[in-house]
Amino acid sequence: MKTFAWYFLAAFAEIGGCFAFWAWLRLAKTVWWVVPGMFSLALFAFALTKIDSSHAGRAYAAYGGIYIVSSLFWLWAVEKARPDRWDVLGASICTIGSLVILFGPRPQ
């Protein structure tokens, strides 16, 4: 379960950091939004190093599904736009793929 906590922390840190740049460049917010965005992106990178995986690439691949689900939650909770059925279907497919990557049997 710790792995999932690190994944979700990484996802929200990445989304928050990227949203800070989005706010600056697309929503005409002040450039100062970038400062907490950079800290958030550093937290994202730190959190991914805490994933219990023997290989970075596998941890990043599994993270993709978590990121997608987290992004849709951000869409709903922060941007107040409800994900549609295609968003939910796509996120479900990606989540299944992430679970296969995370929990698939590996040779010792």
C-alpha atoms as a PDB file:
ATOM      1  CA  MET A   1       0.000   0.000   0.000  1.00  0.00           C
ATOM      2  CA  LYS A   2       2.938   2.333   0.551  1.00  0.00           C
ATOM      3  CA  THR A   3       3.673   2.054  -3.152  1.00  0.00           C
ATOM      4  CA  PHE A   4       0.247   3.426  -4.039  1.00  0.00           C
ATOM      5  CA  ALA A   5       0.642   6.298  -1.584  1.00  0.00           C
ATOM      6  CA  TRP A   6       3.943   7.256  -3.231  1.00  0.00           C
ATOM      7  CA  TYR A   7       2.372   6.958  -6.671  1.00  0.00           C
ATOM      8  CA  PHE A   8      -0.535   9.220  -5.771  1.00  0.00           C
ATOM      9  CA  LEU A   9       1.748  11.736  -4.054  1.00  0.00           C
ATOM     10  CA  ALA A  10       3.909  11.773  -7.192  1.00  0.00           C
ATOM     11  CA  ALA A  11       0.871  12.228  -9.414  1.00  0.00           C
ATOM     12  CA  PHE A  12      -0.603  15.140  -7.512  1.00  0.00           C
ATOM     13  CA  ALA A  13       2.805  16.790  -7.160  1.00  0.00           C
ATOM     14  CA  GLU A  14       3.386  16.478 -10.910  1.00  0.00           C
ATOM     15  CA  ILE A  15      -0.093  17.668 -11.825  1.00  0.00           C
ATOM     16  CA  GLY A  16       0.132  20.577  -9.385  1.00  0.00           C
ATOM     17  CA  GLY A  17       3.553  21.579 -10.660  1.00  0.00           C
ATOM     18  CA  CYS A  18       2.494  21.414 -14.278  1.00  0.00           C
ATOM     19  CA  PHE A  19      -0.745  23.249 -13.500  1.00  0.00           C
ATOM     20  CA  ALA A  20       1.317  26.101 -12.050  1.00  0.00           C
ATOM     21  CA  PHE A  21       2.955  26.543 -15.451  1.00  0.00           C
ATOM     22  CA  TRP A  22      -0.429  26.156 -17.163  1.00  0.00           C
ATOM     23  CA  ALA A  23      -1.857  28.885 -14.925  1.00  0.00           C
ATOM     24  CA  TRP A  24       1.040  31.210 -15.739  1.00  0.00           C
ATOM     25  CA  LEU A  25       1.142  30.608 -19.475  1.00  0.00           C
ATOM     26  CA  ARG A  26      -2.490  29.829 -20.314  1.00  0.00           C
ATOM     27  CA  LEU A  27      -4.527  31.511 -17.581  1.00  0.00           C
ATOM     28  CA  ALA A  28      -2.472  34.728 -17.418  1.00  0.00           C
ATOM     29  CA  LYS A  29      -1.488  34.248 -13.773  1.00  0.00           C
ATOM     30  CA  THR A  30       1.658  35.894 -12.445  1.00  0.00           C
ATOM     31  CA  VAL A  31       5.032  34.264 -13.128  1.00  0.00           C
ATOM     32  CA  TRP A  32       5.305  33.675  -9.385  1.00  0.00           C
ATOM     33  CA  TRP A  33       3.048  30.656  -9.825  1.00  0.00           C
ATOM     34  CA  VAL A  34       6.132  28.924 -11.223  1.00  0.00           C
ATOM     35  CA  VAL A  35       7.970  28.981  -7.863  1.00  0.00           C
ATOM     36  CA  PRO A  36       5.647  26.575  -6.008  1.00  0.00           C
ATOM     37  CA  GLY A  37       5.301  24.686  -9.276  1.00  0.00           C
ATOM     38  CA  MET A  38       9.038  23.960  -9.295  1.00  0.00           C
ATOM     39  CA  PHE A  39       8.929  22.737  -5.700  1.00  0.00           C
ATOM     40  CA  SER A  40       5.980  20.554  -6.561  1.00  0.00           C
ATOM     41  CA  LEU A  41       7.825  19.041  -9.529  1.00  0.00           C
ATOM     42  CA  ALA A  42      10.845  18.337  -7.308  1.00  0.00           C
ATOM     43  CA  LEU A  43       8.518  16.550  -4.849  1.00  0.00           C
ATOM     44  CA  PHE A  44       7.165  14.543  -7.782  1.00  0.00           C
ATOM     45  CA  ALA A  45      10.653  13.355  -8.734  1.00  0.00           C
ATOM     46  CA  PHE A  46      11.470  12.524  -5.110  1.00  0.00           C
ATOM     47  CA  ALA A  47       8.244  10.538  -4.661  1.00  0.00           C
ATOM     48  CA  LEU A  48       8.943   8.407  -7.725  1.00  0.00           C
ATOM     49  CA  THR A  49      12.292   7.358  -6.252  1.00  0.00           C
ATOM     50  CA  LYS A  50      10.392   5.888  -3.285  1.00  0.00           C
ATOM     51  CA  ILE A  51       8.469   3.422  -5.443  1.00  0.00           C
ATOM     52  CA  ASP A  52       9.332  -0.161  -4.542  1.00  0.00           C
ATOM     53  CA  SER A  53      10.547  -1.425  -7.902  1.00  0.00           C
ATOM     54  CA  SER A  54      13.744  -3.052  -9.068  1.00  0.00           C
ATOM     55  CA  HIS A  55      13.797  -0.936 -12.243  1.00  0.00           C
ATOM     56  CA  ALA A  56      12.975   2.727 -12.772  1.00  0.00           C
ATOM     57  CA  GLY A  57      11.364   2.110 -16.149  1.00  0.00           C
ATOM     58  CA  ARG A  58       8.860  -0.329 -14.680  1.00  0.00           C
ATOM     59  CA  ALA A  59       7.991   2.100 -11.885  1.00  0.00           C
ATOM     60  CA  TYR A  60       7.451   4.875 -14.442  1.00  0.00           C
ATOM     61  CA  ALA A  61       5.359   2.646 -16.706  1.00  0.00           C
ATOM     62  CA  ALA A  62       3.041   1.654 -13.863  1.00  0.00           C
ATOM     63  CA  TYR A  63       2.872   5.298 -12.794  1.00  0.00           C
ATOM     64  CA  GLY A  64       1.244   6.170 -16.111  1.00  0.00           C
ATOM     65  CA  GLY A  65      -2.100   4.653 -15.132  1.00  0.00           C
ATOM     66  CA  ILE A  66      -2.035   6.264 -11.702  1.00  0.00           C
ATOM     67  CA  TYR A  67      -1.274   9.609 -13.347  1.00  0.00           C
ATOM     68  CA  ILE A  68      -4.241   9.289 -15.691  1.00  0.00           C
ATOM     69  CA  VAL A  69      -6.693   8.531 -12.874  1.00  0.00           C
ATOM     70  CA  SER A  70      -5.237  11.359 -10.775  1.00  0.00           C
ATOM     71  CA  SER A  71      -5.490  13.774 -13.710  1.00  0.00           C
ATOM     72  CA  LEU A  72      -9.171  13.014 -14.117  1.00  0.00           C
ATOM     73  CA  PHE A  73      -9.702  13.540 -10.394  1.00  0.00           C
ATOM     74  CA  TRP A  74      -7.908  16.918 -10.766  1.00  0.00           C
ATOM     75  CA  LEU A  75     -10.174  17.734 -13.730  1.00  0.00           C
ATOM     76  CA  TRP A  76     -13.210  17.094 -11.569  1.00  0.00           C
ATOM     77  CA  ALA A  77     -12.063  18.477  -8.191  1.00  0.00           C
ATOM     78  CA  VAL A  78      -9.964  21.488  -9.195  1.00  0.00           C
ATOM     79  CA  GLU A  79     -11.132  22.482 -12.657  1.00  0.00           C
ATOM     80  CA  LYS A  80     -14.787  21.623 -11.937  1.00  0.00           C
ATOM     81  CA  ALA A  81     -15.213  19.692 -15.203  1.00  0.00           C
ATOM     82  CA  ARG A  82     -16.783  16.278 -14.921  1.00  0.00           C
ATOM     83  CA  PRO A  83     -14.974  13.423 -16.689  1.00  0.00           C
ATOM     84  CA  ASP A  84     -17.160  11.792 -19.323  1.00  0.00           C
ATOM     85  CA  ARG A  85     -17.684   8.096 -19.948  1.00  0.00           C
ATOM     86  CA  TRP A  86     -14.771   7.970 -22.410  1.00  0.00           C
ATOM     87  CA  ASP A  87     -12.444   9.450 -19.799  1.00  0.00           C
ATOM     88  CA  VAL A  88     -13.572   6.818 -17.303  1.00  0.00           C
ATOM     89  CA  LEU A  89     -13.268   3.974 -19.816  1.00  0.00           C
ATOM     90  CA  GLY A  90      -9.791   5.055 -20.892  1.00  0.00           C
ATOM     91  CA  ALA A  91      -8.630   5.477 -17.292  1.00  0.00           C
ATOM     92  CA  SER A  92     -10.003   2.029 -16.435  1.00  0.00           C
ATOM     93  CA  ILE A  93      -8.083   0.413 -19.272  1.00  0.00           C
ATOM     94  CA  CYS A  94      -4.876   2.191 -18.254  1.00  0.00           C
ATOM     95  CA  THR A  95      -5.347   1.278 -14.603  1.00  0.00           C
ATOM     96  CA  ILE A  96      -5.677  -2.395 -15.502  1.00  0.00           C
ATOM     97  CA  GLY A  97      -2.448  -2.101 -17.476  1.00  0.00           C
ATOM     98  CA  SER A  98      -0.692  -0.469 -14.533  1.00  0.00           C
ATOM     99  CA  LEU A  99      -1.833  -3.229 -12.198  1.00  0.00           C
ATOM    100  CA  VAL A 100      -0.507  -5.866 -14.592  1.00  0.00           C
ATOM    101  CA  ILE A 101       2.863  -4.085 -14.648  1.00  0.00           C
ATOM    102  CA  LEU A 102       2.936  -3.691 -10.863  1.00  0.00           C
ATOM    103  CA  PHE A 103       1.743  -7.136  -9.826  1.00  0.00           C
ATOM    104  CA  GLY A 104       2.668  -9.394 -12.730  1.00  0.00           C
ATOM    105  CA  PRO A 105       4.865 -12.349 -11.753  1.00  0.00           C
ATOM    106  CA  ARG A 106       8.562 -11.671 -12.154  1.00  0.00           C
ATOM    107  CA  PRO A 107      11.375 -14.191 -12.280  1.00  0.00           C
ATOM    108  CA  GLN A 108      13.635 -13.987  -9.257  1.00  0.00           C
END
